């Protein structure tokens, strides 16, 4: 599994953009909703007040099973952060996150 680059962002995926348009949301809101809806803890980061409001507004809609499946299918075996990479330096131990 490799590390993702900025070019790997799922926010530019046509499927995510189409789902966002269908729900009247931003691609970021759709991806956050996907994560929340599948039970993943999400900690979005933004210093932009408008994006902060958008990040909080992911509970006013739900993705359909088809939406969820379309986003699930985007897996490219990439991670944008890898705690295993910094745990060794910070805690003196390697903590793998891979399945």
Protein backbone atom coordinates (compact mmCIF):
# COMPACT_ATOMS: atom_id res chain seq x y z
CA UNK A 1 0.00 0.00 0.00
CA UNK A 2 1.45 3.33 -0.98
CA UNK A 3 1.09 6.85 0.28
CA UNK A 4 -1.35 9.10 -1.52
CA UNK A 5 -0.41 12.35 -3.17
CA UNK A 6 -2.51 15.47 -3.64
CA UNK A 7 -3.33 14.23 -7.15
CA UNK A 8 -4.97 11.14 -5.59
CA UNK A 9 -7.67 13.21 -3.83
CA UNK A 10 -11.07 11.57 -4.06
CA UNK A 11 -12.68 15.04 -4.09
CA UNK A 12 -11.95 15.22 -7.81
CA UNK A 13 -13.44 11.81 -8.62
CA UNK A 14 -16.36 12.07 -11.07
CA UNK A 15 -18.46 9.70 -8.91
CA UNK A 16 -17.98 11.87 -5.81
CA UNK A 17 -18.77 15.03 -7.76
CA UNK A 18 -21.94 13.47 -9.21
CA UNK A 19 -23.13 12.32 -5.77
CA UNK A 20 -22.42 15.78 -4.36
CA UNK A 21 -24.43 17.43 -7.11
CA UNK A 22 -27.33 15.01 -6.62
CA UNK A 23 -27.47 15.83 -2.89
CA UNK A 24 -26.75 19.55 -3.24
CA UNK A 25 -23.55 19.18 -1.20
CA UNK A 26 -19.84 19.65 -1.73
CA UNK A 27 -17.59 16.71 -2.59
CA UNK A 28 -15.93 17.12 0.82
CA UNK A 29 -19.30 16.84 2.58
CA UNK A 30 -20.07 13.68 0.63
CA UNK A 31 -16.76 12.06 1.58
CA UNK A 32 -17.19 13.07 5.23
CA UNK A 33 -20.76 11.71 5.20
CA UNK A 34 -19.53 8.45 3.63
CA UNK A 35 -17.00 8.02 6.44
CA UNK A 36 -19.50 8.86 9.19
CA UNK A 37 -22.18 6.66 7.66
CA UNK A 38 -19.81 3.67 7.63
CA UNK A 39 -18.94 4.26 11.29
CA UNK A 40 -15.51 5.78 10.86
CA UNK A 41 -14.38 8.50 13.27
CA UNK A 42 -13.61 11.61 11.27
CA UNK A 43 -11.58 14.64 12.33
CA UNK A 44 -11.74 17.16 9.48
CA UNK A 45 -9.22 19.99 9.42
CA UNK A 46 -9.85 23.49 8.17
CA UNK A 47 -9.03 27.04 9.16
CA UNK A 48 -11.66 28.37 6.75
CA UNK A 49 -14.89 29.28 8.65
CA UNK A 50 -17.15 28.38 5.70
CA UNK A 51 -15.54 24.96 5.33
CA UNK A 52 -15.84 24.43 9.07
CA UNK A 53 -19.60 25.05 8.79
CA UNK A 54 -19.79 22.68 5.82
CA UNK A 55 -17.87 20.01 7.74
CA UNK A 56 -20.44 20.18 10.54
CA UNK A 57 -23.34 19.97 8.10
CA UNK A 58 -22.97 16.30 7.19
CA UNK A 59 -25.83 15.02 9.34
CA UNK A 60 -28.64 16.64 7.34
CA UNK A 61 -28.52 14.07 4.56
CA UNK A 62 -27.80 10.39 4.02
CA UNK A 63 -26.12 8.61 1.17
CA UNK A 64 -28.02 5.87 -0.61
CA UNK A 65 -26.67 2.31 -0.71
CA UNK A 66 -25.75 3.02 -4.34
CA UNK A 67 -23.84 6.15 -3.34
CA UNK A 68 -21.99 4.22 -0.64
CA UNK A 69 -21.09 1.44 -3.08
CA UNK A 70 -19.85 3.94 -5.69
CA UNK A 71 -17.53 5.57 -3.17
CA UNK A 72 -16.43 2.20 -1.77
CA UNK A 73 -15.39 1.23 -5.31
CA UNK A 74 -12.91 4.12 -5.46
CA UNK A 75 -10.36 2.30 -3.29
CA UNK A 76 -6.86 2.76 -4.73
CA UNK A 77 -4.94 1.27 -1.77
CA UNK A 78 -3.56 4.67 -0.78
CA UNK A 79 -3.43 6.41 2.59
CA UNK A 80 -3.11 10.13 3.17
CA UNK A 81 -1.53 9.59 6.55
CA UNK A 82 0.12 6.63 8.15
CA UNK A 83 0.35 6.61 11.93
CA UNK A 84 2.84 3.78 11.58
CA UNK A 85 5.27 6.24 10.03
CA UNK A 86 5.24 8.70 12.90
CA UNK A 87 4.50 6.39 15.85
CA UNK A 88 8.00 4.98 15.74
CA UNK A 89 9.56 8.43 16.08
CA UNK A 90 7.04 9.71 18.63
CA UNK A 91 6.60 6.60 20.78
CA UNK A 92 9.60 4.43 19.99
CA UNK A 93 7.47 1.68 18.47
CA UNK A 94 6.05 0.82 15.08
CA UNK A 95 2.27 0.52 14.98
CA UNK A 96 1.07 -0.86 11.64
CA UNK A 97 -2.39 0.17 10.44
CA UNK A 98 -2.67 -2.14 7.47
CA UNK A 99 -5.25 -4.88 7.31
